[in-house]
Amino acid sequence: MGHRIVHGGAEMRGRTLPDDDVRVRLDRVADLAPLHVPQALTVLDAARELLPDVPHVVCFDTVFHAGLAAAAREYAVPAGWREEFGLRRYGFHGLSYAWALSRTAELLGRRPEQLQLVMVHLGGGCPACAVREGRSVDTTMGFTPSEGLVMSRRSGSVDPGALTWLLRHRNVSADEIEDALNHRSGLLALSGTSADTRDLVRSRAAGDERAALALDVFTHRCRRGIAGMAASLSRLDALVLTGEIGEDQPEVREEVCARLSLFGLTGGLRPLVAERPEIVSAPGARVPVVVVPTGEAQQIDLETRALLAHG
């Protein structure tokens, strides 16, 4: 059985068998991704108990970004916070990126190490990532999956001064802030009605101004993220979109790409015809736009089999 673990912390730098030592380490980082890791560990424990004779492998979303250079990894905060508390940028959704990278390379007829890409996973969580020669060199998510782009129910990046102001001057507790930023923010907070872009596109067409605002903020932050990731590359071979929104929401794809002409991207994207990787930009586009259906489960399958095959 292969298990997805969103956060592996600094110590987990590859897929592994969950022995007792690994299990203890995972407990230590569980609070860094509270929406994901505690639940995943409950499933892992139950599966190991119910199926003790089946090999189990844990695959981490953070591993894809384990080689981030210090410039992309470090926060400009006191050294004690970085050294004692491990406050640094980890990056997430690496399993999705690994799958999409391989599929994009196949589609473009090149090897992953020949490509420089901006990849964007748009789903419940929404990170962007710069991939240079097959390796992650920058990403928008950081210490937790809350940093970066606006998401379905998560806020993305917020001025830390605003949060300390809420704590100090409006008596909003840390628990309230954490709950709001992780569960009651993002598209849901901006629209007041839905966290689903499909609902918001329909509502906008019907004249709902808050739905329009939610989509405007979402696509604006997405473009900023793509532009920021491009700064870590020396060229842009393709923009790759994956995740449920990236795959299923043509209006969002169009609005993101049509306003990134500075990077050689254009609108006029074709709809995704089949559930397979496709180039959706116009023939001859300077920078192709590639859509890859989400493949996290398939990537876990590959990584699990690879670890077991090699002992």
C-alpha atoms as a PDB file:
ATOM      1  CA  MET A   1       0.000   0.000   0.000  1.00  0.00           C
ATOM      2  CA  GLY A   2       1.205   3.469  -0.868  1.00  0.00           C
ATOM      3  CA  HIS A   3       0.265   6.372   1.413  1.00  0.00           C
ATOM      4  CA  ARG A   4       0.368  10.086   0.649  1.00  0.00           C
ATOM      5  CA  ILE A   5       1.841  12.182   3.451  1.00  0.00           C
ATOM      6  CA  VAL A   6       1.645  15.908   2.737  1.00  0.00           C
ATOM      7  CA  HIS A   7       4.460  17.050   5.072  1.00  0.00           C
ATOM      8  CA  GLY A   8       7.627  15.091   5.736  1.00  0.00           C
ATOM      9  CA  GLY A   9       9.515  17.851   7.518  1.00  0.00           C
ATOM     10  CA  ALA A  10      13.247  18.352   7.004  1.00  0.00           C
ATOM     11  CA  GLU A  11      14.200  14.748   7.739  1.00  0.00           C
ATOM     12  CA  MET A  12      12.052  12.861   5.219  1.00  0.00           C
ATOM     13  CA  ARG A  13      13.846  13.307   1.892  1.00  0.00           C
ATOM     14  CA  GLY A  14      12.529  10.277   0.017  1.00  0.00           C
ATOM     15  CA  ARG A  15       9.782   7.658  -0.032  1.00  0.00           C
ATOM     16  CA  THR A  16      10.296   5.131   2.727  1.00  0.00           C
ATOM     17  CA  LEU A  17       8.886   2.234   4.726  1.00  0.00           C
ATOM     18  CA  PRO A  18       7.049   3.496   7.824  1.00  0.00           C
ATOM     19  CA  ASP A  19       8.994   1.760  10.586  1.00  0.00           C
ATOM     20  CA  ASP A  20       8.596   2.873  14.198  1.00  0.00           C
ATOM     21  CA  ASP A  21      11.301   5.551  13.910  1.00  0.00           C
ATOM     22  CA  VAL A  22       9.670   7.065  10.814  1.00  0.00           C
ATOM     23  CA  ARG A  23       6.288   6.970  12.507  1.00  0.00           C
ATOM     24  CA  VAL A  24       7.608   8.965  15.485  1.00  0.00           C
ATOM     25  CA  ARG A  25       9.146  11.538  13.147  1.00  0.00           C
ATOM     26  CA  LEU A  26       5.842  11.952  11.334  1.00  0.00           C
ATOM     27  CA  ASP A  27       4.061  12.716  14.598  1.00  0.00           C
ATOM     28  CA  ARG A  28       6.535  15.550  15.152  1.00  0.00           C
ATOM     29  CA  VAL A  29       5.567  17.319  11.907  1.00  0.00           C
ATOM     30  CA  ALA A  30       1.829  16.529  11.900  1.00  0.00           C
ATOM     31  CA  ASP A  31       0.841  19.977  13.183  1.00  0.00           C
ATOM     32  CA  LEU A  32       2.552  21.654  10.204  1.00  0.00           C
ATOM     33  CA  ALA A  33      -0.209  20.417   7.899  1.00  0.00           C
ATOM     34  CA  PRO A  34      -3.184  20.019  10.251  1.00  0.00           C
ATOM     35  CA  LEU A  35      -5.722  19.550   7.458  1.00  0.00           C
ATOM     36  CA  HIS A  36      -3.855  16.560   6.064  1.00  0.00           C
ATOM     37  CA  VAL A  37      -1.203  14.772   8.106  1.00  0.00           C
ATOM     38  CA  PRO A  38      -3.117  13.752  11.281  1.00  0.00           C
ATOM     39  CA  GLN A  39      -5.873  12.163   9.179  1.00  0.00           C
ATOM     40  CA  ALA A  40      -3.343  10.446   6.909  1.00  0.00           C
ATOM     41  CA  LEU A  41      -1.512   9.011   9.920  1.00  0.00           C
ATOM     42  CA  THR A  42      -4.782   7.638  11.295  1.00  0.00           C
ATOM     43  CA  VAL A  43      -5.331   5.841   7.986  1.00  0.00           C
ATOM     44  CA  LEU A  44      -1.717   4.638   7.916  1.00  0.00           C
ATOM     45  CA  ASP A  45      -1.966   3.188  11.438  1.00  0.00           C
ATOM     46  CA  ALA A  46      -5.261   1.459  10.668  1.00  0.00           C
ATOM     47  CA  ALA A  47      -3.941   0.018   7.430  1.00  0.00           C
ATOM     48  CA  ARG A  48      -0.776  -1.315   9.058  1.00  0.00           C
ATOM     49  CA  GLU A  49      -2.865  -2.934  11.795  1.00  0.00           C
ATOM     50  CA  LEU A  50      -5.439  -4.442   9.432  1.00  0.00           C
ATOM     51  CA  LEU A  51      -2.902  -5.545   6.813  1.00  0.00           C
ATOM     52  CA  PRO A  52       0.266  -6.397   8.732  1.00  0.00           C
ATOM     53  CA  ASP A  53       1.597  -8.707   6.013  1.00  0.00           C
ATOM     54  CA  VAL A  54       1.261  -6.120   3.232  1.00  0.00           C
ATOM     55  CA  PRO A  55       4.230  -3.783   2.710  1.00  0.00           C
ATOM     56  CA  HIS A  56       3.408  -0.113   3.297  1.00  0.00           C
ATOM     57  CA  VAL A  57       5.254   2.828   1.762  1.00  0.00           C
ATOM     58  CA  VAL A  58       4.883   6.514   2.648  1.00  0.00           C
ATOM     59  CA  CYS A  59       5.338   9.044  -0.165  1.00  0.00           C
ATOM     60  CA  PHE A  60       5.805  12.718   0.654  1.00  0.00           C
ATOM     61  CA  ASP A  61       4.581  15.856  -1.097  1.00  0.00           C
ATOM     62  CA  THR A  62       7.572  17.789   0.249  1.00  0.00           C
ATOM     63  CA  VAL A  63      10.271  15.563  -1.280  1.00  0.00           C
ATOM     64  CA  PHE A  64       9.956  17.077  -4.766  1.00  0.00           C
ATOM     65  CA  HIS A  65      11.151  20.374  -3.255  1.00  0.00           C
ATOM     66  CA  ALA A  66      13.839  18.925  -0.959  1.00  0.00           C
ATOM     67  CA  GLY A  67      16.648  20.376  -3.084  1.00  0.00           C
ATOM     68  CA  LEU A  68      15.535  24.009  -2.895  1.00  0.00           C
ATOM     69  CA  ALA A  69      18.516  26.346  -2.730  1.00  0.00           C
ATOM     70  CA  ALA A  70      18.905  28.485   0.387  1.00  0.00           C
ATOM     71  CA  ALA A  71      17.726  31.600  -1.458  1.00  0.00           C
ATOM     72  CA  ALA A  72      14.363  29.952  -2.172  1.00  0.00           C
ATOM     73  CA  ARG A  73      14.182  28.026   1.092  1.00  0.00           C
ATOM     74  CA  GLU A  74      15.005  30.484   3.879  1.00  0.00           C
ATOM     75  CA  TYR A  75      12.749  33.024   5.550  1.00  0.00           C
ATOM     76  CA  ALA A  76      14.273  36.357   6.599  1.00  0.00           C
ATOM     77  CA  VAL A  77      13.523  35.777  10.288  1.00  0.00           C
ATOM     78  CA  PRO A  78      15.781  35.497  13.356  1.00  0.00           C
ATOM     79  CA  ALA A  79      18.353  32.713  13.185  1.00  0.00           C
ATOM     80  CA  GLY A  80      16.995  31.089  16.341  1.00  0.00           C
ATOM     81  CA  TRP A  81      13.618  30.583  14.705  1.00  0.00           C
ATOM     82  CA  ARG A  82      15.242  28.966  11.684  1.00  0.00           C
ATOM     83  CA  GLU A  83      17.745  26.835  13.580  1.00  0.00           C
ATOM     84  CA  GLU A  84      15.810  25.862  16.716  1.00  0.00           C
ATOM     85  CA  PHE A  85      12.277  25.672  15.291  1.00  0.00           C
ATOM     86  CA  GLY A  86      13.099  24.653  11.715  1.00  0.00           C
ATOM     87  CA  LEU A  87      11.218  27.632  10.285  1.00  0.00           C
ATOM     88  CA  ARG A  88      11.862  27.356   6.551  1.00  0.00           C
ATOM     89  CA  ARG A  89      10.045  26.835   3.264  1.00  0.00           C
ATOM     90  CA  TYR A  90       9.237  23.231   2.343  1.00  0.00           C
ATOM     91  CA  GLY A  91       6.831  23.332  -0.606  1.00  0.00           C
ATOM     92  CA  PHE A  92       3.981  20.900  -1.248  1.00  0.00           C
ATOM     93  CA  HIS A  93       2.003  19.016  -3.905  1.00  0.00           C
ATOM     94  CA  GLY A  94       5.239  17.421  -5.060  1.00  0.00           C
ATOM     95  CA  LEU A  95       3.553  14.152  -6.029  1.00  0.00           C
ATOM     96  CA  SER A  96       1.282  16.052  -8.395  1.00  0.00           C
ATOM     97  CA  TYR A  97       4.243  17.950  -9.850  1.00  0.00           C
ATOM     98  CA  ALA A  98       6.311  14.793 -10.341  1.00  0.00           C
ATOM     99  CA  TRP A  99       3.506  13.153 -12.320  1.00  0.00           C
ATOM    100  CA  ALA A 100       2.767  16.272 -14.377  1.00  0.00           C
ATOM    101  CA  LEU A 101       6.467  16.810 -15.138  1.00  0.00           C
ATOM    102  CA  SER A 102       6.859  13.317 -16.582  1.00  0.00           C
ATOM    103  CA  ARG A 103       3.678  13.599 -18.637  1.00  0.00           C
ATOM    104  CA  THR A 104       4.683  17.030 -19.959  1.00  0.00           C
ATOM    105  CA  ALA A 105       8.101  15.748 -20.995  1.00  0.00           C
ATOM    106  CA  GLU A 106       6.466  12.876 -22.884  1.00  0.00           C
ATOM    107  CA  LEU A 107       4.026  15.251 -24.590  1.00  0.00           C
ATOM    108  CA  LEU A 108       6.762  17.677 -25.649  1.00  0.00           C
ATOM    109  CA  GLY A 109       9.115  14.882 -26.732  1.00  0.00           C
ATOM    110  CA  ARG A 110      11.899  15.950 -24.355  1.00  0.00           C
ATOM    111  CA  ARG A 111      13.446  14.646 -21.155  1.00  0.00           C
ATOM    112  CA  PRO A 112      12.455  16.298 -17.853  1.00  0.00           C
ATOM    113  CA  GLU A 113      16.036  17.485 -17.329  1.00  0.00           C
ATOM    114  CA  GLN A 114      15.819  19.422 -20.608  1.00  0.00           C
ATOM    115  CA  LEU A 115      12.833  21.505 -19.509  1.00  0.00           C
ATOM    116  CA  GLN A 116      12.246  24.753 -17.663  1.00  0.00           C
ATOM    117  CA  LEU A 117       8.619  25.006 -16.629  1.00  0.00           C
ATOM    118  CA  VAL A 118       6.211  26.892 -14.445  1.00  0.00           C
ATOM    119  CA  MET A 119       3.767  24.360 -13.054  1.00  0.00           C
ATOM    120  CA  VAL A 120       0.540  25.301 -11.257  1.00  0.00           C
ATOM    121  CA  HIS A 121      -1.613  22.891  -9.256  1.00  0.00           C
ATOM    122  CA  LEU A 122      -5.069  24.432  -8.901  1.00  0.00           C
ATOM    123  CA  GLY A 123      -7.415  22.484  -6.652  1.00  0.00           C
ATOM    124  CA  GLY A 124      -8.360  22.685  -2.994  1.00  0.00           C
ATOM    125  CA  GLY A 125      -4.741  23.756  -2.483  1.00  0.00           C
ATOM    126  CA  CYS A 126      -3.147  26.024  -5.079  1.00  0.00           C
ATOM    127  CA  PRO A 127       0.641  26.220  -5.345  1.00  0.00           C
ATOM    128  CA  ALA A 128       2.842  27.258  -8.262  1.00  0.00           C
ATOM    129  CA  CYS A 129       6.314  25.845  -8.814  1.00  0.00           C
ATOM    130  CA  ALA A 130       9.372  26.617 -10.945  1.00  0.00           C
ATOM    131  CA  VAL A 131      11.035  23.507 -12.391  1.00  0.00           C
ATOM    132  CA  ARG A 132      14.481  23.895 -13.883  1.00  0.00           C
ATOM    133  CA  GLU A 133      16.077  20.913 -15.600  1.00  0.00           C
ATOM    134  CA  GLY A 134      13.755  18.495 -13.876  1.00  0.00           C
ATOM    135  CA  ARG A 135      14.143  19.902 -10.336  1.00  0.00           C
ATOM    136  CA  SER A 136      12.027  22.221  -8.228  1.00  0.00           C
ATOM    137  CA  VAL A 137      13.874  25.504  -7.732  1.00  0.00           C
ATOM    138  CA  ASP A 138      11.079  27.620  -6.237  1.00  0.00           C
ATOM    139  CA  THR A 139       7.482  27.289  -5.090  1.00  0.00           C
ATOM    140  CA  THR A 140       4.778  29.471  -3.596  1.00  0.00           C
ATOM    141  CA  MET A 141       3.873  27.284  -0.601  1.00  0.00           C
ATOM    142  CA  GLY A 142       6.233  27.454   2.355  1.00  0.00           C
ATOM    143  CA  PHE A 143       6.431  26.233   5.960  1.00  0.00           C
ATOM    144  CA  THR A 144       2.823  25.044   5.712  1.00  0.00           C
ATOM    145  CA  PRO A 145       0.419  24.563   2.772  1.00  0.00           C
ATOM    146  CA  SER A 146      -1.221  27.898   3.687  1.00  0.00           C
ATOM    147  CA  GLU A 147       1.293  30.227   2.042  1.00  0.00           C
ATOM    148  CA  GLY A 148       1.010  31.476  -1.518  1.00  0.00           C
ATOM    149  CA  LEU A 149      -1.929  31.708  -3.914  1.00  0.00           C
ATOM    150  CA  VAL A 150      -5.589  32.130  -2.991  1.00  0.00           C
ATOM    151  CA  MET A 151      -7.212  28.700  -2.616  1.00  0.00           C
ATOM    152  CA  SER A 152     -10.702  27.270  -2.316  1.00  0.00           C
ATOM    153  CA  ARG A 153     -11.046  27.761   1.452  1.00  0.00           C
ATOM    154  CA  ARG A 154      -7.525  28.847   2.416  1.00  0.00           C
ATOM    155  CA  SER A 155      -6.423  32.463   2.286  1.00  0.00           C
ATOM    156  CA  GLY A 156      -2.972  32.061   0.829  1.00  0.00           C
ATOM    157  CA  SER A 157      -0.410  34.670   1.852  1.00  0.00           C
ATOM    158  CA  VAL A 158      -1.625  37.354   4.250  1.00  0.00           C
ATOM    159  CA  ASP A 159       0.417  40.211   5.732  1.00  0.00           C
ATOM    160  CA  PRO A 160       1.755  38.766   9.024  1.00  0.00           C
ATOM    161  CA  GLY A 161       1.313  42.217  10.533  1.00  0.00           C
ATOM    162  CA  ALA A 162      -2.433  41.923   9.954  1.00  0.00           C
ATOM    163  CA  LEU A 163      -2.486  38.670  11.919  1.00  0.00           C
ATOM    164  CA  THR A 164      -0.517  40.028  14.881  1.00  0.00           C
ATOM    165  CA  TRP A 165      -2.823  43.090  14.808  1.00  0.00           C
ATOM    166  CA  LEU A 166      -5.866  40.795  15.090  1.00  0.00           C
ATOM    167  CA  LEU A 167      -4.233  38.976  18.006  1.00  0.00           C
ATOM    168  CA  ARG A 168      -3.158  42.087  19.857  1.00  0.00           C
ATOM    169  CA  HIS A 169      -5.837  44.678  19.107  1.00  0.00           C
ATOM    170  CA  ARG A 170      -9.008  42.736  18.289  1.00  0.00           C
ATOM    171  CA  ASN A 171      -8.577  39.797  20.687  1.00  0.00           C
ATOM    172  CA  VAL A 172      -8.959  37.247  17.913  1.00  0.00           C
ATOM    173  CA  SER A 173      -7.373  34.054  19.252  1.00  0.00           C
ATOM    174  CA  ALA A 174      -4.711  32.015  17.468  1.00  0.00           C
ATOM    175  CA  ASP A 175      -7.227  29.159  17.168  1.00  0.00           C
ATOM    176  CA  GLU A 176      -9.773  31.468  15.525  1.00  0.00           C
ATOM    177  CA  ILE A 177      -7.174  32.776  13.089  1.00  0.00           C
ATOM    178  CA  GLU A 178      -5.987  29.294  12.174  1.00  0.00           C
ATOM    179  CA  ASP A 179      -9.548  28.073  11.636  1.00  0.00           C
ATOM    180  CA  ALA A 180     -10.496  31.098   9.544  1.00  0.00           C
ATOM    181  CA  LEU A 181      -7.405  30.993   7.329  1.00  0.00           C
ATOM    182  CA  ASN A 182      -7.686  27.256   6.689  1.00  0.00           C
ATOM    183  CA  HIS A 183     -11.452  26.721   6.482  1.00  0.00           C
ATOM    184  CA  ARG A 184     -13.342  29.999   5.973  1.00  0.00           C
ATOM    185  CA  SER A 185     -11.146  32.034   3.635  1.00  0.00           C
ATOM    186  CA  GLY A 186     -10.158  31.890  -0.031  1.00  0.00           C
ATOM    187  CA  LEU A 187     -12.837  31.730  -2.717  1.00  0.00           C
ATOM    188  CA  LEU A 188     -15.473  30.917  -0.105  1.00  0.00           C
ATOM    189  CA  ALA A 189     -14.786  34.085   1.901  1.00  0.00           C
ATOM    190  CA  LEU A 190     -14.556  36.363  -1.130  1.00  0.00           C
ATOM    191  CA  SER A 191     -17.735  35.076  -2.764  1.00  0.00           C
ATOM    192  CA  GLY A 192     -19.743  34.437   0.390  1.00  0.00           C
ATOM    193  CA  THR A 193     -21.438  31.506  -1.338  1.00  0.00           C
ATOM    194  CA  SER A 194     -19.082  28.834  -2.710  1.00  0.00           C
ATOM    195  CA  ALA A 195     -15.498  27.585  -2.810  1.00  0.00           C
ATOM    196  CA  ASP A 196     -16.109  25.916  -6.192  1.00  0.00           C
ATOM    197  CA  THR A 197     -15.019  27.834  -9.300  1.00  0.00           C
ATOM    198  CA  ARG A 198     -17.755  26.156 -11.337  1.00  0.00           C
ATOM    199  CA  ASP A 199     -20.408  27.717  -9.125  1.00  0.00           C
ATOM    200  CA  LEU A 200     -18.637  31.070  -9.227  1.00  0.00           C
ATOM    201  CA  VAL A 201     -18.380  31.146 -13.026  1.00  0.00           C
ATOM    202  CA  ARG A 202     -22.135  30.520 -13.255  1.00  0.00           C
ATOM    203  CA  SER A 203     -22.906  33.099 -10.578  1.00  0.00           C
ATOM    204  CA  ARG A 204     -20.699  35.708 -12.238  1.00  0.00           C
ATOM    205  CA  ALA A 205     -22.535  35.176 -15.533  1.00  0.00           C
ATOM    206  CA  ALA A 206     -25.776  35.816 -13.653  1.00  0.00           C
ATOM    207  CA  GLY A 207     -24.472  39.159 -12.378  1.00  0.00           C
ATOM    208  CA  ASP A 208     -23.117  38.186  -8.920  1.00  0.00           C
ATOM    209  CA  GLU A 209     -20.478  40.842  -8.167  1.00  0.00           C
ATOM    210  CA  ARG A 210     -18.940  38.946  -5.232  1.00  0.00           C
ATOM    211  CA  ALA A 211     -18.467  35.849  -7.395  1.00  0.00           C
ATOM    212  CA  ALA A 212     -16.773  38.081  -9.975  1.00  0.00           C
ATOM    213  CA  LEU A 213     -14.521  39.533  -7.274  1.00  0.00           C
ATOM    214  CA  ALA A 214     -13.567  36.065  -6.026  1.00  0.00           C
ATOM    215  CA  LEU A 215     -12.542  34.955  -9.519  1.00  0.00           C
ATOM    216  CA  ASP A 216     -10.690  38.218 -10.162  1.00  0.00           C
ATOM    217  CA  VAL A 217      -8.652  37.899  -6.961  1.00  0.00           C
ATOM    218  CA  PHE A 218      -8.027  34.200  -7.584  1.00  0.00           C
ATOM    219  CA  THR A 219      -6.746  34.659 -11.141  1.00  0.00           C
ATOM    220  CA  HIS A 220      -4.768  37.799 -10.239  1.00  0.00           C
ATOM    221  CA  ARG A 221      -2.883  35.989  -7.477  1.00  0.00           C
ATOM    222  CA  CYS A 222      -2.358  33.036  -9.801  1.00  0.00           C
ATOM    223  CA  ARG A 223      -0.760  35.295 -12.424  1.00  0.00           C
ATOM    224  CA  ARG A 224       1.454  36.870  -9.759  1.00  0.00           C
ATOM    225  CA  GLY A 225       2.548  33.423  -8.657  1.00  0.00           C
ATOM    226  CA  ILE A 226       3.367  32.345 -12.207  1.00  0.00           C
ATOM    227  CA  ALA A 227       5.343  35.539 -12.815  1.00  0.00           C
ATOM    228  CA  GLY A 228       7.251  35.053  -9.568  1.00  0.00           C
ATOM    229  CA  MET A 229       8.133  31.476 -10.434  1.00  0.00           C
ATOM    230  CA  ALA A 230       9.304  32.508 -13.901  1.00  0.00           C
ATOM    231  CA  ALA A 231      11.892  34.730 -12.206  1.00  0.00           C
ATOM    232  CA  SER A 232      13.729  31.554 -11.148  1.00  0.00           C
ATOM    233  CA  LEU A 233      14.085  30.352 -14.753  1.00  0.00           C
ATOM    234  CA  SER A 234      16.245  31.475 -17.651  1.00  0.00           C
ATOM    235  CA  ARG A 235      13.534  30.620 -20.182  1.00  0.00           C
ATOM    236  CA  LEU A 236       9.969  29.325 -20.160  1.00  0.00           C
ATOM    237  CA  ASP A 237       9.417  26.138 -22.159  1.00  0.00           C
ATOM    238  CA  ALA A 238       5.784  25.669 -21.104  1.00  0.00           C
ATOM    239  CA  LEU A 239       3.161  26.572 -18.538  1.00  0.00           C
ATOM    240  CA  VAL A 240       1.707  23.405 -17.031  1.00  0.00           C
ATOM    241  CA  LEU A 241      -1.692  23.396 -15.306  1.00  0.00           C
ATOM    242  CA  THR A 242      -2.973  20.506 -13.221  1.00  0.00           C
ATOM    243  CA  GLY A 243      -5.376  19.938 -10.311  1.00  0.00           C
ATOM    244  CA  GLU A 244      -9.155  19.899 -10.493  1.00  0.00           C
ATOM    245  CA  ILE A 245      -9.481  23.592 -11.372  1.00  0.00           C
ATOM    246  CA  GLY A 246      -6.543  23.543 -13.768  1.00  0.00           C
ATOM    247  CA  GLU A 247      -8.043  20.552 -15.537  1.00  0.00           C
ATOM    248  CA  ASP A 248     -11.777  21.276 -15.431  1.00  0.00           C
ATOM    249  CA  GLN A 249     -12.142  25.069 -15.470  1.00  0.00           C
ATOM    250  CA  PRO A 250     -11.409  26.527 -18.927  1.00  0.00           C
ATOM    251  CA  GLU A 251     -12.561  30.005 -17.894  1.00  0.00           C
ATOM    252  CA  VAL A 252      -9.879  30.179 -15.205  1.00  0.00           C
ATOM    253  CA  ARG A 253      -7.193  28.906 -17.592  1.00  0.00           C
ATOM    254  CA  GLU A 254      -8.195  31.522 -20.157  1.00  0.00           C
ATOM    255  CA  GLU A 255      -8.217  34.409 -17.693  1.00  0.00           C
ATOM    256  CA  VAL A 256      -4.839  33.466 -16.285  1.00  0.00           C
ATOM    257  CA  CYS A 257      -3.063  33.043 -19.629  1.00  0.00           C
ATOM    258  CA  ALA A 258      -4.669  35.898 -21.566  1.00  0.00           C
ATOM    259  CA  ARG A 259      -3.091  38.465 -19.224  1.00  0.00           C
ATOM    260  CA  LEU A 260       0.430  37.001 -19.184  1.00  0.00           C
ATOM    261  CA  SER A 261       1.485  38.141 -22.648  1.00  0.00           C
ATOM    262  CA  LEU A 262       4.703  39.488 -21.117  1.00  0.00           C
ATOM    263  CA  PHE A 263       5.801  35.865 -20.783  1.00  0.00           C
ATOM    264  CA  GLY A 264       4.785  34.822 -24.281  1.00  0.00           C
ATOM    265  CA  LEU A 265       1.475  33.364 -23.146  1.00  0.00           C
ATOM    266  CA  THR A 266      -1.818  34.105 -24.866  1.00  0.00           C
ATOM    267  CA  GLY A 267      -5.495  33.362 -24.513  1.00  0.00           C
ATOM    268  CA  GLY A 268      -7.594  31.543 -27.045  1.00  0.00           C
ATOM    269  CA  LEU A 269      -7.017  28.201 -25.346  1.00  0.00           C
ATOM    270  CA  ARG A 270      -8.777  25.103 -26.600  1.00  0.00           C
ATOM    271  CA  PRO A 271     -10.961  23.066 -24.225  1.00  0.00           C
ATOM    272  CA  LEU A 272      -9.501  19.846 -22.907  1.00  0.00           C
ATOM    273  CA  VAL A 273     -10.871  17.168 -25.225  1.00  0.00           C
ATOM    274  CA  ALA A 274     -10.029  13.993 -23.321  1.00  0.00           C
ATOM    275  CA  GLU A 275      -8.782  13.020 -19.871  1.00  0.00           C
ATOM    276  CA  ARG A 276      -5.159  12.921 -20.978  1.00  0.00           C
ATOM    277  CA  PRO A 277      -2.288  15.426 -21.139  1.00  0.00           C
ATOM    278  CA  GLU A 278      -2.848  17.935 -23.915  1.00  0.00           C
ATOM    279  CA  ILE A 279      -1.401  21.155 -25.300  1.00  0.00           C
ATOM    280  CA  VAL A 280      -4.356  23.560 -25.212  1.00  0.00           C
ATOM    281  CA  SER A 281      -2.631  26.667 -26.592  1.00  0.00           C
ATOM    282  CA  ALA A 282      -2.877  27.602 -30.245  1.00  0.00           C
ATOM    283  CA  PRO A 283      -0.525  25.855 -32.702  1.00  0.00           C
ATOM    284  CA  GLY A 284       2.722  27.771 -32.937  1.00  0.00           C
ATOM    285  CA  ALA A 285       2.298  29.526 -29.576  1.00  0.00           C
ATOM    286  CA  ARG A 286       5.618  30.859 -28.317  1.00  0.00           C
ATOM    287  CA  VAL A 287       5.033  29.215 -24.947  1.00  0.00           C
ATOM    288  CA  PRO A 288       2.744  26.176 -24.984  1.00  0.00           C
ATOM    289  CA  VAL A 289       0.123  25.757 -22.292  1.00  0.00           C
ATOM    290  CA  VAL A 290      -0.147  22.135 -21.178  1.00  0.00           C
ATOM    291  CA  VAL A 291      -2.961  20.648 -19.109  1.00  0.00           C
ATOM    292  CA  VAL A 292      -2.212  17.404 -17.262  1.00  0.00           C
ATOM    293  CA  PRO A 293      -5.005  15.599 -15.390  1.00  0.00           C
ATOM    294  CA  THR A 294      -4.146  15.146 -11.728  1.00  0.00           C
ATOM    295  CA  GLY A 295      -2.056  12.031 -11.149  1.00  0.00           C
ATOM    296  CA  GLU A 296      -1.124  11.922  -7.464  1.00  0.00           C
ATOM    297  CA  ALA A 297      -2.489   8.392  -7.007  1.00  0.00           C
ATOM    298  CA  GLN A 298      -0.603   7.179 -10.079  1.00  0.00           C
ATOM    299  CA  GLN A 299       2.612   8.788  -8.817  1.00  0.00           C
ATOM    300  CA  ILE A 300       2.212   7.107  -5.416  1.00  0.00           C
ATOM    301  CA  ASP A 301       1.739   3.808  -7.248  1.00  0.00           C
ATOM    302  CA  LEU A 302       4.973   4.359  -9.219  1.00  0.00           C
ATOM    303  CA  GLU A 303       6.978   5.384  -6.174  1.00  0.00           C
ATOM    304  CA  THR A 304       5.663   2.534  -4.034  1.00  0.00           C
ATOM    305  CA  ARG A 305       6.483  -0.085  -6.646  1.00  0.00           C
ATOM    306  CA  ALA A 306       9.909   1.441  -7.265  1.00  0.00           C
ATOM    307  CA  LEU A 307      10.856   1.314  -3.577  1.00  0.00           C
ATOM    308  CA  LEU A 308       9.651  -2.294  -3.176  1.00  0.00           C
ATOM    309  CA  ALA A 309      11.372  -3.396  -6.386  1.00  0.00           C
ATOM    310  CA  HIS A 310      14.707  -2.084  -5.159  1.00  0.00           C
ATOM    311  CA  GLY A 311      14.360  -3.304  -1.592  1.00  0.00           C
END
